[in-house]
Amino acid sequence: MADMATVQPGAGPAKAPPSVIVVFVCENSARPGRLPTSGMRYRPEEPDFGWPFPVQEVVVPCSGRLQPEHFLKAFEDGADAVGVVCCEEGNCHHHEGSKRCRRRVEAVSSLLGEIGLGKERLILFHLPGSAVQDMALGAGASAPVTVDPTLGQKLAAVREGIVARVAALAPTPLRATGLSEDVPYQLESEDDSD
């Protein structure tokens, strides 16, 4: 009994906080084509990535509508990594949406690198879009449009890309330090300058 070390309650190896991952997903990526209608709005179909850990997925009507502040807000809120899944360029319902998204991701990645957070925290993926298939059905295509037979592999590639990136990243310093909510920011009422 004398050889046993005494362990204090609550003492032990410090555990790293769980990773916070946010993934923005275009609602038109990775879904089969469907007949466009003017009177009915379809519910978004989210692809099943089979995440091995909790991921906050945010489904958006088009990745091209994402603004830099959406990515930056996720990082400000403590995300260790942010992923963006958009349609392949050339198969976007909004024509230039995927290209616009790519340019914004590149700009924000560059900014993250400049401020020292690390540009590798923002990741862009492309999945098959559905614009071409939807337009074919709307134009009277007789054959049913099928899902890409390699879709499962492409979803797995996105999942593995996120998993590998998160494993290589240290927790974000923004979550560790954060802004103190105890002391509100106040402006000085007196000006000491001459």
Protein backbone atom coordinates (compact mmCIF):
# COMPACT_ATOMS: atom_id res chain seq x y z
CA MET A 1 0.00 0.00 0.00
CA ALA A 2 2.83 2.41 0.69
CA ASP A 3 4.01 2.17 -2.93
CA MET A 4 0.75 3.46 -4.38
CA ALA A 5 0.70 7.09 -5.43
CA THR A 6 -2.05 9.26 -4.13
CA VAL A 7 -4.23 10.68 -6.89
CA GLN A 8 -6.01 13.90 -6.12
CA PRO A 9 -9.64 14.10 -7.26
CA GLY A 10 -9.84 15.95 -10.54
CA ALA A 11 -6.13 15.54 -11.11
CA GLY A 12 -5.02 13.59 -14.12
CA PRO A 13 -3.78 14.17 -17.58
CA ALA A 14 -5.22 17.31 -19.03
CA LYS A 15 -7.59 16.39 -21.83
CA ALA A 16 -7.69 18.49 -24.93
CA PRO A 17 -11.10 20.00 -25.51
CA PRO A 18 -13.09 18.22 -28.22
CA SER A 19 -12.68 19.61 -31.71
CA VAL A 20 -15.35 21.95 -32.99
CA ILE A 21 -15.99 21.41 -36.68
CA VAL A 22 -18.40 23.39 -38.86
CA VAL A 23 -19.21 22.26 -42.41
CA PHE A 24 -21.27 24.38 -44.81
CA VAL A 25 -23.02 22.12 -47.36
CA CYS A 26 -24.73 23.25 -50.57
CA GLU A 27 -28.22 21.75 -50.69
CA ASN A 28 -27.84 20.96 -54.40
CA SER A 29 -24.64 18.97 -54.13
CA ALA A 30 -24.64 15.19 -54.05
CA ARG A 31 -28.33 14.70 -54.78
CA PRO A 32 -30.08 13.11 -57.73
CA GLY A 33 -31.72 15.29 -60.33
CA ARG A 34 -35.37 16.19 -59.88
CA LEU A 35 -37.99 17.86 -62.01
CA PRO A 36 -38.03 21.62 -61.35
CA THR A 37 -41.41 23.01 -60.35
CA SER A 38 -42.68 26.52 -59.87
CA GLY A 39 -45.25 25.70 -57.20
CA MET A 40 -43.39 23.41 -54.83
CA ARG A 41 -40.20 23.87 -52.85
CA TYR A 42 -38.29 20.67 -52.17
CA ARG A 43 -36.77 20.06 -48.77
CA PRO A 44 -32.97 20.07 -48.83
CA GLU A 45 -31.37 16.64 -49.05
CA GLU A 46 -28.29 16.44 -46.87
CA PRO A 47 -25.63 13.96 -47.93
CA ASP A 48 -24.70 11.43 -45.25
CA PHE A 49 -21.00 11.84 -44.63
CA GLY A 50 -20.92 9.37 -41.71
CA TRP A 51 -18.85 11.67 -39.49
CA PRO A 52 -16.87 9.80 -36.79
CA PHE A 53 -17.23 12.79 -34.44
CA PRO A 54 -19.77 15.58 -33.95
CA VAL A 55 -19.88 18.03 -36.84
CA GLN A 56 -22.16 21.03 -37.10
CA GLU A 57 -23.52 20.94 -40.65
CA VAL A 58 -25.06 24.11 -42.03
CA VAL A 59 -27.08 23.52 -45.21
CA VAL A 60 -27.11 26.54 -47.52
CA PRO A 61 -29.13 27.15 -50.72
CA CYS A 62 -25.91 27.79 -52.65
CA SER A 63 -22.32 27.90 -51.47
CA GLY A 64 -21.88 31.03 -53.59
CA ARG A 65 -24.10 32.88 -51.11
CA LEU A 66 -21.59 32.32 -48.31
CA GLN A 67 -19.73 35.48 -47.38
CA PRO A 68 -16.31 35.73 -45.72
CA GLU A 69 -17.99 36.76 -42.49
CA HIS A 70 -19.77 33.38 -42.30
CA PHE A 71 -16.42 31.58 -42.18
CA LEU A 72 -14.87 34.13 -39.83
CA LYS A 73 -17.84 33.96 -37.44
CA ALA A 74 -17.45 30.18 -37.19
CA PHE A 75 -13.78 30.66 -36.26
CA GLU A 76 -14.66 33.44 -33.82
CA ASP A 77 -17.11 31.06 -32.15
CA GLY A 78 -14.30 28.55 -31.58
CA ALA A 79 -14.31 26.26 -34.62
CA ASP A 80 -11.04 24.38 -35.05
CA ALA A 81 -11.80 23.80 -38.73
CA VAL A 82 -14.42 24.93 -41.22
CA GLY A 83 -15.28 22.89 -44.28
CA VAL A 84 -17.24 24.02 -47.32
CA VAL A 85 -18.89 21.50 -49.65
CA CYS A 86 -20.04 22.97 -52.93
CA CYS A 87 -21.08 21.71 -56.34
CA GLU A 88 -18.51 20.99 -59.00
CA GLU A 89 -17.78 24.08 -61.04
CA GLY A 90 -19.87 23.98 -64.19
CA ASN A 91 -22.76 22.12 -62.53
CA CYS A 92 -24.02 24.80 -60.15
CA HIS A 93 -27.66 25.90 -60.13
CA HIS A 94 -26.54 29.49 -59.75
CA HIS A 95 -24.01 29.27 -62.59
CA GLU A 96 -21.08 30.99 -60.84
CA GLY A 97 -21.85 29.98 -57.24
CA SER A 98 -19.10 27.39 -56.90
CA LYS A 99 -16.52 29.68 -58.47
CA ARG A 100 -17.56 32.56 -56.22
CA CYS A 101 -17.30 30.27 -53.19
CA ARG A 102 -13.83 29.07 -54.21
CA ARG A 103 -12.57 32.64 -54.56
CA ARG A 104 -13.96 33.59 -51.14
CA VAL A 105 -12.46 30.51 -49.48
CA GLU A 106 -9.07 31.35 -51.03
CA ALA A 107 -9.30 34.95 -49.79
CA VAL A 108 -10.28 33.96 -46.23
CA SER A 109 -7.62 31.20 -46.16
CA SER A 110 -5.01 33.79 -47.08
CA LEU A 111 -6.28 36.07 -44.32
CA LEU A 112 -6.17 33.22 -41.78
CA GLY A 113 -2.55 32.60 -42.76
CA GLU A 114 -1.65 36.27 -42.40
CA ILE A 115 -3.12 36.58 -38.89
CA GLY A 116 -1.42 33.38 -37.72
CA LEU A 117 -4.47 31.19 -37.27
CA GLY A 118 -3.45 28.94 -40.17
CA LYS A 119 -4.92 28.80 -43.65
CA GLU A 120 -5.25 25.02 -43.39
CA ARG A 121 -8.23 25.47 -41.03
CA LEU A 122 -10.55 26.34 -43.95
CA ILE A 123 -11.13 23.47 -46.39
CA LEU A 124 -13.02 23.42 -49.70
CA PHE A 125 -14.53 20.29 -51.27
CA HIS A 126 -16.50 19.77 -54.47
CA LEU A 127 -19.25 17.17 -54.92
CA PRO A 128 -21.33 16.51 -58.03
CA GLY A 129 -23.96 19.18 -58.55
CA SER A 130 -27.46 18.58 -59.87
CA ALA A 131 -28.04 21.54 -62.19
CA VAL A 132 -27.41 19.66 -65.43
CA GLN A 133 -29.66 16.79 -64.37
CA ASP A 134 -32.45 19.10 -63.20
CA MET A 135 -32.33 21.01 -66.47
CA ALA A 136 -32.47 17.76 -68.47
CA LEU A 137 -35.56 16.66 -66.56
CA GLY A 138 -37.13 20.10 -67.01
CA ALA A 139 -36.49 19.86 -70.76
CA GLY A 140 -38.36 16.55 -70.91
CA ALA A 141 -35.63 13.94 -70.56
CA SER A 142 -37.37 10.57 -70.62
CA ALA A 143 -34.75 8.50 -68.80
CA PRO A 144 -34.66 8.86 -65.02
CA VAL A 145 -31.60 10.64 -63.77
CA THR A 146 -29.51 8.49 -61.47
CA VAL A 147 -27.11 9.28 -58.69
CA ASP A 148 -23.39 9.25 -59.50
CA PRO A 149 -22.23 5.65 -58.83
CA THR A 150 -19.03 6.96 -57.24
CA LEU A 151 -20.90 9.28 -54.86
CA GLY A 152 -20.19 7.08 -51.83
CA GLN A 153 -16.47 7.29 -52.56
CA LYS A 154 -16.66 11.07 -52.98
CA LEU A 155 -18.53 11.47 -49.67
CA ALA A 156 -15.92 9.27 -47.99
CA ALA A 157 -13.14 11.42 -49.49
CA VAL A 158 -14.73 14.55 -47.97
CA ARG A 159 -15.10 12.80 -44.60
CA GLU A 160 -11.52 11.51 -44.64
CA GLY A 161 -10.22 14.91 -45.75
CA ILE A 162 -11.87 16.60 -42.76
CA VAL A 163 -10.75 13.85 -40.35
CA ALA A 164 -7.14 14.04 -41.54
CA ARG A 165 -7.07 17.84 -41.36
CA VAL A 166 -8.58 17.92 -37.86
CA ALA A 167 -6.08 15.31 -36.64
CA ALA A 168 -3.21 17.49 -37.86
CA LEU A 169 -4.51 20.72 -36.28
CA ALA A 170 -3.93 21.99 -32.78
CA PRO A 171 -7.02 23.37 -31.04
CA THR A 172 -7.78 26.90 -32.11
CA PRO A 173 -6.24 29.55 -29.90
CA LEU A 174 -9.44 31.57 -30.21
CA ARG A 175 -11.39 29.06 -28.12
CA ALA A 176 -8.65 28.87 -25.49
CA THR A 177 -8.29 32.59 -24.96
CA GLY A 178 -11.49 34.08 -26.28
CA LEU A 179 -12.73 37.51 -25.42
CA SER A 180 -13.61 38.04 -21.81
CA GLU A 181 -17.29 38.58 -21.23
CA ASP A 182 -16.71 39.68 -17.64
CA VAL A 183 -15.51 43.16 -18.51
CA PRO A 184 -17.47 44.93 -21.22
CA TYR A 185 -15.53 47.10 -23.59
CA GLN A 186 -15.89 50.75 -22.70
CA LEU A 187 -14.67 53.93 -24.26
CA GLU A 188 -12.79 56.38 -22.12
CA SER A 189 -14.87 59.46 -21.42
CA GLU A 190 -11.85 61.72 -21.10
CA ASP A 191 -9.31 62.52 -23.78
CA ASP A 192 -5.79 62.88 -22.33
CA SER A 193 -4.17 63.88 -25.60
CA ASP A 194 -3.22 67.47 -26.31
